[in-house]
Amino acid sequence: MKTESLLSCSKIDTVYSIINSSVIALVGLIILLINRLWEPFKRGFFCDDDSINSFIKYPHHDSTIPCPVLYGVDFSFNIVSFILIEAALLRNSKNSRTNKKPGQNIAQTYFCIVFNILLPFLYGAAVVQLVTDIAKYSVGRLRPHFLAVCQPDVTKFNCTDGYITADVCTGDMALIKHAR
């Protein structure tokens, strides 16, 4: 007697799904650890650097759209799009696209197809986020509003020295980390 796994998906699809889900979870854990534990490269600055030196020109503003809302809308839109497009394609397709066997439940076939499309999408999104975070933390380029959140103590440095590498910030450390 042959048993079918994961809602009548083939055994290869099931193994593929388990491996992809594990890799996505691992990459997500690495992203979380990078954001919590890794300090960005501490780059110095020039007092006359036009890209960061004007509190008026580049004040700090909170995000217009908070990250959880942005990610929620973005992922929801993409996932709903995948679900609707695959439903339309499955409805109009023949057995060659779905490899549907006679007597196999169409909902089970649909679930397997959507699940096997969503996993690579989630994997790609996780890898892009990982590479972006590694690059940002490694380079440490100062954001335009860096001096606005740093609030440097002008008694600790002299602009005639040129490149300032000393830790002169007196502002909120979380905002400074984000601005680095």
N, C-alpha and C. Protein backbone atom coordinates (compact mmCIF):
# COMPACT_ATOMS: atom_id res chain seq x y z
N MET A 1 0.85 -1.18 0.00
CA MET A 1 0.00 0.00 0.00
C MET A 1 0.89 1.24 0.00
N LYS A 2 0.64 2.11 -0.92
CA LYS A 2 1.45 3.32 -1.09
C LYS A 2 0.77 4.49 -0.40
N THR A 3 1.50 5.15 0.51
CA THR A 3 0.92 6.31 1.18
C THR A 3 1.44 7.57 0.52
N GLU A 4 0.61 8.55 0.42
CA GLU A 4 0.98 9.84 -0.16
C GLU A 4 1.25 10.82 0.98
N SER A 5 2.26 11.66 0.81
CA SER A 5 2.64 12.58 1.88
C SER A 5 2.26 14.01 1.51
N LEU A 6 2.08 14.81 2.54
CA LEU A 6 1.79 16.24 2.42
C LEU A 6 0.71 16.53 1.38
N LEU A 7 -0.50 16.11 1.72
CA LEU A 7 -1.66 16.39 0.88
C LEU A 7 -1.49 15.93 -0.56
N SER A 8 -1.03 14.72 -0.74
CA SER A 8 -0.87 14.08 -2.05
C SER A 8 0.22 14.70 -2.91
N CYS A 9 1.15 15.42 -2.32
CA CYS A 9 2.31 15.88 -3.07
C CYS A 9 3.23 14.68 -3.24
N SER A 10 4.06 14.71 -4.26
CA SER A 10 5.00 13.61 -4.42
C SER A 10 6.02 13.65 -3.30
N LYS A 11 6.71 12.54 -3.10
CA LYS A 11 7.72 12.47 -2.04
C LYS A 11 8.84 13.47 -2.31
N ILE A 12 9.19 13.66 -3.57
CA ILE A 12 10.23 14.63 -3.92
C ILE A 12 9.78 16.04 -3.53
N ASP A 13 8.51 16.37 -3.80
CA ASP A 13 7.98 17.68 -3.43
C ASP A 13 8.02 17.87 -1.91
N THR A 14 7.72 16.84 -1.17
CA THR A 14 7.71 16.92 0.29
C THR A 14 9.12 17.14 0.83
N VAL A 15 10.09 16.39 0.34
CA VAL A 15 11.47 16.56 0.78
C VAL A 15 11.97 17.95 0.40
N TYR A 16 11.68 18.37 -0.81
CA TYR A 16 12.05 19.71 -1.28
C TYR A 16 11.45 20.78 -0.37
N SER A 17 10.20 20.64 0.01
CA SER A 17 9.53 21.60 0.87
C SER A 17 10.15 21.65 2.25
N ILE A 18 10.48 20.50 2.80
CA ILE A 18 11.09 20.45 4.14
C ILE A 18 12.47 21.09 4.12
N ILE A 19 13.27 20.78 3.11
CA ILE A 19 14.61 21.36 3.01
C ILE A 19 14.52 22.87 2.82
N ASN A 20 13.67 23.33 1.90
CA ASN A 20 13.52 24.78 1.68
C ASN A 20 13.01 25.50 2.92
N SER A 21 12.04 24.92 3.61
CA SER A 21 11.53 25.54 4.83
C SER A 21 12.62 25.66 5.88
N SER A 22 13.45 24.64 6.01
CA SER A 22 14.55 24.67 6.97
C SER A 22 15.58 25.73 6.61
N VAL A 23 15.91 25.83 5.33
CA VAL A 23 16.89 26.83 4.89
C VAL A 23 16.33 28.24 5.09
N ILE A 24 15.06 28.45 4.79
CA ILE A 24 14.44 29.76 5.00
C ILE A 24 14.48 30.12 6.49
N ALA A 25 14.16 29.17 7.36
CA ALA A 25 14.21 29.43 8.80
C ALA A 25 15.63 29.75 9.25
N LEU A 26 16.62 29.04 8.73
CA LEU A 26 18.02 29.29 9.09
C LEU A 26 18.46 30.68 8.63
N VAL A 27 18.13 31.06 7.40
CA VAL A 27 18.50 32.39 6.89
C VAL A 27 17.79 33.47 7.72
N GLY A 28 16.54 33.24 8.08
CA GLY A 28 15.81 34.19 8.93
C GLY A 28 16.47 34.35 10.29
N LEU A 29 16.94 33.25 10.87
CA LEU A 29 17.65 33.30 12.15
C LEU A 29 18.95 34.09 12.03
N ILE A 30 19.67 33.88 10.95
CA ILE A 30 20.92 34.62 10.71
C ILE A 30 20.63 36.12 10.57
N ILE A 31 19.58 36.48 9.85
CA ILE A 31 19.20 37.89 9.71
C ILE A 31 18.88 38.49 11.07
N LEU A 32 18.14 37.77 11.89
CA LEU A 32 17.79 38.25 13.23
C LEU A 32 19.05 38.45 14.08
N LEU A 33 19.96 37.50 14.03
CA LEU A 33 21.20 37.62 14.80
C LEU A 33 22.06 38.79 14.33
N ILE A 34 22.14 38.99 13.02
CA ILE A 34 22.90 40.12 12.48
C ILE A 34 22.32 41.44 12.99
N ASN A 35 21.01 41.58 12.93
CA ASN A 35 20.38 42.83 13.35
C ASN A 35 20.47 43.07 14.85
N ARG A 36 20.51 42.01 15.64
CA ARG A 36 20.55 42.17 17.10
C ARG A 36 21.98 42.27 17.65
N LEU A 37 22.91 41.52 17.06
CA LEU A 37 24.23 41.38 17.67
C LEU A 37 25.36 42.09 16.94
N TRP A 38 25.26 42.25 15.65
CA TRP A 38 26.36 42.79 14.86
C TRP A 38 26.32 44.31 14.91
N GLU A 39 27.42 44.90 15.27
CA GLU A 39 27.54 46.36 15.27
C GLU A 39 28.01 46.80 13.88
N PRO A 40 27.41 47.86 13.34
CA PRO A 40 27.86 48.35 12.03
C PRO A 40 29.29 48.89 12.12
N PHE A 41 29.98 48.85 10.99
CA PHE A 41 31.32 49.41 10.91
C PHE A 41 31.26 50.88 11.31
N LYS A 42 32.15 51.29 12.22
CA LYS A 42 32.13 52.67 12.71
C LYS A 42 33.04 53.53 11.84
N ARG A 43 32.44 54.17 10.90
CA ARG A 43 33.13 55.06 9.97
C ARG A 43 33.16 56.46 10.57
N GLY A 44 34.25 57.15 10.39
CA GLY A 44 34.36 58.53 10.85
C GLY A 44 33.69 59.48 9.87
N PHE A 45 33.91 60.76 10.08
CA PHE A 45 33.30 61.75 9.21
C PHE A 45 34.17 63.00 9.14
N PHE A 46 33.97 63.77 8.09
CA PHE A 46 34.59 65.09 7.94
C PHE A 46 33.56 66.13 8.35
N CYS A 47 34.00 67.15 9.03
CA CYS A 47 33.07 68.21 9.46
C CYS A 47 32.42 68.92 8.28
N ASP A 48 33.13 69.01 7.16
CA ASP A 48 32.58 69.72 6.01
C ASP A 48 31.96 68.78 4.97
N ASP A 49 31.62 67.57 5.37
CA ASP A 49 30.99 66.61 4.47
C ASP A 49 29.55 67.06 4.18
N ASP A 50 29.30 67.46 2.94
CA ASP A 50 27.97 67.96 2.57
C ASP A 50 26.87 66.91 2.66
N SER A 51 27.24 65.64 2.63
CA SER A 51 26.19 64.61 2.65
C SER A 51 25.62 64.39 4.04
N ILE A 52 26.30 64.87 5.11
CA ILE A 52 25.78 64.65 6.46
C ILE A 52 25.82 65.87 7.36
N ASN A 53 26.27 67.02 6.90
CA ASN A 53 26.59 68.09 7.84
C ASN A 53 25.50 69.11 8.09
N SER A 54 24.32 68.94 7.61
CA SER A 54 23.30 69.96 7.82
C SER A 54 22.11 69.39 8.58
N PHE A 55 21.94 69.84 9.82
CA PHE A 55 20.79 69.39 10.61
C PHE A 55 19.48 69.84 9.97
N ILE A 56 19.52 71.02 9.35
CA ILE A 56 18.31 71.57 8.74
C ILE A 56 17.99 70.84 7.44
N LYS A 57 19.03 70.59 6.65
CA LYS A 57 18.82 69.95 5.35
C LYS A 57 18.45 68.47 5.50
N TYR A 58 19.04 67.78 6.48
CA TYR A 58 18.80 66.34 6.67
C TYR A 58 18.40 66.02 8.11
N PRO A 59 17.25 66.50 8.58
CA PRO A 59 16.84 66.15 9.93
C PRO A 59 16.38 64.69 9.98
N HIS A 60 16.35 64.13 11.18
CA HIS A 60 15.88 62.75 11.33
C HIS A 60 14.36 62.74 11.36
N HIS A 61 13.77 61.84 10.59
CA HIS A 61 12.32 61.63 10.58
C HIS A 61 12.06 60.15 10.81
N ASP A 62 11.01 59.84 11.53
CA ASP A 62 10.60 58.44 11.63
C ASP A 62 10.14 57.98 10.26
N SER A 63 10.11 56.68 10.07
CA SER A 63 9.69 56.12 8.79
C SER A 63 8.27 56.55 8.46
N THR A 64 8.04 56.89 7.21
CA THR A 64 6.70 57.23 6.77
C THR A 64 5.80 56.01 6.84
N ILE A 65 6.34 54.89 6.39
CA ILE A 65 5.63 53.61 6.46
C ILE A 65 6.48 52.68 7.33
N PRO A 66 5.97 52.24 8.47
CA PRO A 66 6.75 51.35 9.34
C PRO A 66 7.09 50.04 8.62
N CYS A 67 8.25 49.49 8.93
CA CYS A 67 8.73 48.27 8.26
C CYS A 67 7.74 47.10 8.35
N PRO A 68 7.13 46.82 9.53
CA PRO A 68 6.18 45.71 9.56
C PRO A 68 5.01 45.89 8.60
N VAL A 69 4.53 47.12 8.45
CA VAL A 69 3.43 47.38 7.51
C VAL A 69 3.91 47.17 6.07
N LEU A 70 5.10 47.69 5.78
CA LEU A 70 5.67 47.55 4.44
C LEU A 70 5.84 46.08 4.07
N TYR A 71 6.46 45.30 4.97
CA TYR A 71 6.66 43.87 4.69
C TYR A 71 5.34 43.13 4.63
N GLY A 72 4.41 43.48 5.52
CA GLY A 72 3.11 42.81 5.53
C GLY A 72 2.34 43.02 4.24
N VAL A 73 2.28 44.25 3.78
CA VAL A 73 1.56 44.56 2.54
C VAL A 73 2.28 43.93 1.35
N ASP A 74 3.61 44.06 1.32
CA ASP A 74 4.38 43.51 0.20
C ASP A 74 4.22 42.00 0.09
N PHE A 75 4.44 41.30 1.19
CA PHE A 75 4.32 39.84 1.14
C PHE A 75 2.89 39.40 0.90
N SER A 76 1.94 40.07 1.52
CA SER A 76 0.52 39.71 1.30
C SER A 76 0.14 39.88 -0.16
N PHE A 77 0.53 41.01 -0.75
CA PHE A 77 0.21 41.25 -2.16
C PHE A 77 0.81 40.15 -3.05
N ASN A 78 2.08 39.83 -2.83
CA ASN A 78 2.72 38.80 -3.65
C ASN A 78 2.10 37.42 -3.43
N ILE A 79 1.84 37.06 -2.20
CA ILE A 79 1.27 35.74 -1.92
C ILE A 79 -0.14 35.62 -2.51
N VAL A 80 -0.96 36.65 -2.33
CA VAL A 80 -2.31 36.63 -2.91
C VAL A 80 -2.23 36.56 -4.44
N SER A 81 -1.28 37.27 -5.03
CA SER A 81 -1.09 37.21 -6.48
C SER A 81 -0.75 35.80 -6.93
N PHE A 82 0.19 35.16 -6.23
CA PHE A 82 0.56 33.78 -6.57
C PHE A 82 -0.65 32.86 -6.48
N ILE A 83 -1.40 33.00 -5.41
CA ILE A 83 -2.56 32.13 -5.19
C ILE A 83 -3.59 32.30 -6.30
N LEU A 84 -3.90 33.54 -6.63
CA LEU A 84 -4.92 33.80 -7.66
C LEU A 84 -4.45 33.38 -9.05
N ILE A 85 -3.21 33.68 -9.38
CA ILE A 85 -2.69 33.32 -10.71
C ILE A 85 -2.62 31.81 -10.86
N GLU A 86 -2.14 31.13 -9.83
CA GLU A 86 -2.07 29.67 -9.92
C GLU A 86 -3.46 29.04 -9.98
N ALA A 87 -4.42 29.63 -9.30
CA ALA A 87 -5.79 29.11 -9.39
C ALA A 87 -6.32 29.25 -10.81
N ALA A 88 -6.07 30.40 -11.44
CA ALA A 88 -6.52 30.60 -12.82
C ALA A 88 -5.80 29.66 -13.77
N LEU A 89 -4.49 29.49 -13.58
CA LEU A 89 -3.74 28.59 -14.46
C LEU A 89 -4.15 27.14 -14.27
N LEU A 90 -4.39 26.74 -13.03
CA LEU A 90 -4.81 25.36 -12.76
C LEU A 90 -6.20 25.09 -13.34
N ARG A 91 -7.06 26.07 -13.26
CA ARG A 91 -8.41 25.92 -13.80
C ARG A 91 -8.39 25.73 -15.31
N ASN A 92 -7.45 26.42 -15.99
CA ASN A 92 -7.40 26.37 -17.44
C ASN A 92 -6.39 25.36 -17.99
N SER A 93 -5.73 24.63 -17.11
CA SER A 93 -4.68 23.75 -17.60
C SER A 93 -5.16 22.32 -17.78
N LYS A 94 -4.32 21.58 -18.46
CA LYS A 94 -4.55 20.15 -18.65
C LYS A 94 -3.70 19.40 -17.64
N ASN A 95 -3.81 18.10 -17.61
CA ASN A 95 -3.06 17.28 -16.66
C ASN A 95 -1.56 17.38 -16.84
N SER A 96 -1.06 17.81 -18.00
CA SER A 96 0.38 17.88 -18.23
C SER A 96 1.03 18.93 -17.33
N ARG A 97 0.34 20.02 -17.03
CA ARG A 97 0.92 21.06 -16.17
C ARG A 97 0.95 20.62 -14.71
N THR A 98 -0.09 19.97 -14.27
CA THR A 98 -0.22 19.65 -12.85
C THR A 98 0.23 18.24 -12.51
N ASN A 99 0.44 17.40 -13.51
CA ASN A 99 0.74 15.98 -13.28
C ASN A 99 -0.32 15.34 -12.39
N LYS A 100 -1.54 15.80 -12.57
CA LYS A 100 -2.64 15.31 -11.76
C LYS A 100 -3.02 13.91 -12.22
N LYS A 101 -3.12 13.04 -11.23
CA LYS A 101 -3.52 11.67 -11.50
C LYS A 101 -5.05 11.56 -11.42
N PRO A 102 -5.63 10.64 -12.16
CA PRO A 102 -7.09 10.47 -12.05
C PRO A 102 -7.47 10.15 -10.60
N GLY A 103 -8.47 10.82 -10.12
CA GLY A 103 -8.94 10.59 -8.76
C GLY A 103 -8.24 11.46 -7.72
N GLN A 104 -7.20 12.17 -8.09
CA GLN A 104 -6.49 13.03 -7.14
C GLN A 104 -7.30 14.30 -6.92
N ASN A 105 -7.40 14.72 -5.70
CA ASN A 105 -8.16 15.90 -5.33
C ASN A 105 -7.51 17.15 -5.93
N ILE A 106 -8.30 17.98 -6.59
CA ILE A 106 -7.78 19.19 -7.24
C ILE A 106 -7.26 20.19 -6.19
N ALA A 107 -7.87 20.23 -5.01
CA ALA A 107 -7.41 21.14 -3.95
C ALA A 107 -6.02 20.73 -3.46
N GLN A 108 -5.78 19.43 -3.37
CA GLN A 108 -4.46 18.95 -2.95
C GLN A 108 -3.39 19.29 -3.99
N THR A 109 -3.74 19.12 -5.25
CA THR A 109 -2.81 19.48 -6.32
C THR A 109 -2.52 20.98 -6.28
N TYR A 110 -3.56 21.77 -6.11
CA TYR A 110 -3.41 23.23 -6.04
C TYR A 110 -2.50 23.63 -4.87
N PHE A 111 -2.72 23.03 -3.70
CA PHE A 111 -1.91 23.33 -2.52
C PHE A 111 -0.43 23.04 -2.80
N CYS A 112 -0.15 21.90 -3.41
CA CYS A 112 1.24 21.53 -3.71
C CYS A 112 1.88 22.51 -4.68
N ILE A 113 1.15 22.91 -5.69
CA ILE A 113 1.69 23.85 -6.68
C ILE A 113 1.99 25.20 -6.02
N VAL A 114 1.05 25.73 -5.27
CA VAL A 114 1.23 27.04 -4.62
C VAL A 114 2.36 26.97 -3.60
N PHE A 115 2.39 25.92 -2.82
CA PHE A 115 3.43 25.78 -1.79
C PHE A 115 4.81 25.73 -2.43
N ASN A 116 4.93 25.02 -3.53
CA ASN A 116 6.23 24.89 -4.21
C ASN A 116 6.62 26.15 -5.00
N ILE A 117 5.70 27.07 -5.17
CA ILE A 117 6.04 28.37 -5.77
C ILE A 117 6.38 29.37 -4.66
N LEU A 118 5.68 29.31 -3.54
CA LEU A 118 5.93 30.25 -2.45
C LEU A 118 7.29 30.02 -1.78
N LEU A 119 7.72 28.78 -1.66
CA LEU A 119 9.00 28.53 -0.99
C LEU A 119 10.19 29.20 -1.67
N PRO A 120 10.36 29.07 -2.99
CA PRO A 120 11.48 29.80 -3.62
C PRO A 120 11.34 31.31 -3.50
N PHE A 121 10.11 31.83 -3.54
CA PHE A 121 9.90 33.27 -3.35
C PHE A 121 10.38 33.70 -1.97
N LEU A 122 9.98 32.97 -0.94
CA LEU A 122 10.39 33.31 0.42
C LEU A 122 11.90 33.14 0.60
N TYR A 123 12.46 32.10 -0.01
CA TYR A 123 13.91 31.89 0.06
C TYR A 123 14.64 33.06 -0.59
N GLY A 124 14.20 33.48 -1.76
CA GLY A 124 14.82 34.60 -2.46
C GLY A 124 14.72 35.89 -1.65
N ALA A 125 13.56 36.14 -1.05
CA ALA A 125 13.40 37.35 -0.23
C ALA A 125 14.32 37.31 0.98
N ALA A 126 14.46 36.14 1.60
CA ALA A 126 15.34 36.02 2.76
C ALA A 126 16.80 36.21 2.39
N VAL A 127 17.23 35.66 1.27
CA VAL A 127 18.63 35.81 0.85
C VAL A 127 18.94 37.25 0.47
N VAL A 128 18.01 37.91 -0.21
CA VAL A 128 18.21 39.32 -0.56
C VAL A 128 18.35 40.16 0.71
N GLN A 129 17.50 39.91 1.70
CA GLN A 129 17.58 40.65 2.96
C GLN A 129 18.91 40.36 3.67
N LEU A 130 19.35 39.12 3.66
CA LEU A 130 20.61 38.74 4.29
C LEU A 130 21.79 39.45 3.64
N VAL A 131 21.87 39.41 2.32
CA VAL A 131 22.97 40.05 1.60
C VAL A 131 22.95 41.57 1.84
N THR A 132 21.76 42.17 1.83
CA THR A 132 21.63 43.60 2.07
C THR A 132 22.12 43.97 3.47
N ASP A 133 21.70 43.20 4.48
CA ASP A 133 22.12 43.48 5.85
C ASP A 133 23.63 43.33 6.02
N ILE A 134 24.20 42.29 5.45
CA ILE A 134 25.65 42.09 5.55
C ILE A 134 26.39 43.25 4.91
N ALA A 135 25.94 43.68 3.73
CA ALA A 135 26.59 44.80 3.05
C ALA A 135 26.45 46.09 3.86
N LYS A 136 25.27 46.37 4.38
CA LYS A 136 25.06 47.60 5.14
C LYS A 136 25.90 47.62 6.41
N TYR A 137 25.96 46.52 7.12
CA TYR A 137 26.72 46.48 8.37
C TYR A 137 28.23 46.48 8.11
N SER A 138 28.65 45.93 6.98
CA SER A 138 30.08 45.89 6.66
C SER A 138 30.60 47.23 6.18
N VAL A 139 29.83 47.93 5.37
CA VAL A 139 30.28 49.20 4.79
C VAL A 139 30.13 50.33 5.79
N GLY A 140 29.01 50.41 6.47
CA GLY A 140 28.80 51.42 7.49
C GLY A 140 28.73 52.84 6.98
N ARG A 141 28.24 53.02 5.78
CA ARG A 141 28.12 54.39 5.24
C ARG A 141 27.13 55.17 6.08
N LEU A 142 27.52 56.37 6.45
CA LEU A 142 26.67 57.21 7.30
C LEU A 142 25.48 57.72 6.51
N ARG A 143 24.32 57.69 7.14
CA ARG A 143 23.12 58.21 6.51
C ARG A 143 23.14 59.72 6.54
N PRO A 144 22.39 60.36 5.66
CA PRO A 144 22.40 61.83 5.62
C PRO A 144 22.01 62.49 6.95
N HIS A 145 21.19 61.83 7.75
CA HIS A 145 20.77 62.40 9.03
C HIS A 145 21.65 61.97 10.20
N PHE A 146 22.85 61.44 9.91
CA PHE A 146 23.71 60.92 10.96
C PHE A 146 24.00 61.96 12.04
N LEU A 147 24.43 63.16 11.67
CA LEU A 147 24.77 64.16 12.67
C LEU A 147 23.55 64.62 13.47
N ALA A 148 22.38 64.55 12.87
CA ALA A 148 21.16 64.94 13.58
C ALA A 148 20.87 63.96 14.72
N VAL A 149 21.13 62.67 14.53
CA VAL A 149 20.88 61.70 15.60
C VAL A 149 22.11 61.51 16.49
N CYS A 150 23.29 61.74 15.95
CA CYS A 150 24.53 61.60 16.71
C CYS A 150 24.63 62.68 17.79
N GLN A 151 24.24 63.88 17.45
CA GLN A 151 24.34 65.02 18.34
C GLN A 151 25.75 65.08 18.95
N PRO A 152 26.77 65.31 18.09
CA PRO A 152 28.16 65.24 18.56
C PRO A 152 28.49 66.28 19.62
N ASP A 153 29.32 65.84 20.56
CA ASP A 153 29.83 66.72 21.60
C ASP A 153 31.02 67.47 21.01
N VAL A 154 30.83 68.75 20.68
CA VAL A 154 31.85 69.53 19.97
C VAL A 154 33.09 69.79 20.82
N THR A 155 33.01 69.51 22.11
CA THR A 155 34.20 69.69 22.95
C THR A 155 35.16 68.51 22.83
N LYS A 156 34.74 67.42 22.22
CA LYS A 156 35.57 66.22 22.10
C LYS A 156 36.37 66.14 20.80
N PHE A 157 36.16 67.09 19.90
CA PHE A 157 36.89 67.05 18.63
C PHE A 157 37.08 68.46 18.09
N ASN A 158 38.00 68.57 17.16
CA ASN A 158 38.29 69.84 16.52
C ASN A 158 38.18 69.61 15.01
N CYS A 159 37.37 70.37 14.34
CA CYS A 159 37.15 70.18 12.91
C CYS A 159 38.41 70.42 12.08
N THR A 160 39.37 71.12 12.61
CA THR A 160 40.62 71.34 11.86
C THR A 160 41.47 70.07 11.82
N ASP A 161 41.13 69.09 12.64
CA ASP A 161 41.87 67.82 12.63
C ASP A 161 41.58 67.02 11.37
N GLY A 162 40.53 67.38 10.66
CA GLY A 162 40.17 66.66 9.43
C GLY A 162 39.16 65.56 9.70
N TYR A 163 39.57 64.34 9.52
CA TYR A 163 38.69 63.17 9.64
C TYR A 163 38.48 62.83 11.11
N ILE A 164 37.24 62.84 11.57
CA ILE A 164 36.91 62.59 12.97
C ILE A 164 36.57 61.11 13.14
N THR A 165 37.38 60.40 13.92
CA THR A 165 37.13 58.97 14.17
C THR A 165 36.74 58.71 15.62
N ALA A 166 36.92 59.68 16.49
CA ALA A 166 36.60 59.50 17.91
C ALA A 166 35.10 59.32 18.09
N ASP A 167 34.73 58.63 19.17
CA ASP A 167 33.32 58.44 19.49
C ASP A 167 32.83 59.71 20.16
N VAL A 168 32.15 60.55 19.42
CA VAL A 168 31.73 61.87 19.90
C VAL A 168 30.22 61.99 20.03
N CYS A 169 29.50 60.94 19.77
CA CYS A 169 28.03 60.99 19.76
C CYS A 169 27.46 60.99 21.17
N THR A 170 26.40 61.78 21.34
CA THR A 170 25.71 61.83 22.63
C THR A 170 24.23 61.48 22.49
N GLY A 171 23.79 61.16 21.29
CA GLY A 171 22.38 60.88 21.03
C GLY A 171 21.98 59.46 21.40
N ASP A 172 20.76 59.10 21.02
CA ASP A 172 20.19 57.78 21.26
C ASP A 172 20.99 56.72 20.51
N MET A 173 21.51 55.72 21.22
CA MET A 173 22.38 54.71 20.62
C MET A 173 21.67 53.88 19.55
N ALA A 174 20.38 53.59 19.72
CA ALA A 174 19.66 52.82 18.71
C ALA A 174 19.54 53.60 17.40
N LEU A 175 19.26 54.90 17.52
CA LEU A 175 19.18 55.73 16.31
C LEU A 175 20.55 55.90 15.66
N ILE A 176 21.59 56.00 16.49
CA ILE A 176 22.95 56.12 15.94
C ILE A 176 23.33 54.85 15.19
N LYS A 177 23.01 53.69 15.77
CA LYS A 177 23.30 52.40 15.09
C LYS A 177 22.56 52.34 13.76
N HIS A 178 21.34 52.77 13.74
CA HIS A 178 20.56 52.77 12.50
C HIS A 178 21.12 53.75 11.47
N ALA A 179 21.63 54.89 11.95
CA ALA A 179 22.17 55.90 11.04
C ALA A 179 23.56 55.50 10.50
N ARG A 180 24.22 54.57 11.14
CA ARG A 180 25.50 54.08 10.65
C ARG A 180 25.25 53.04 9.57
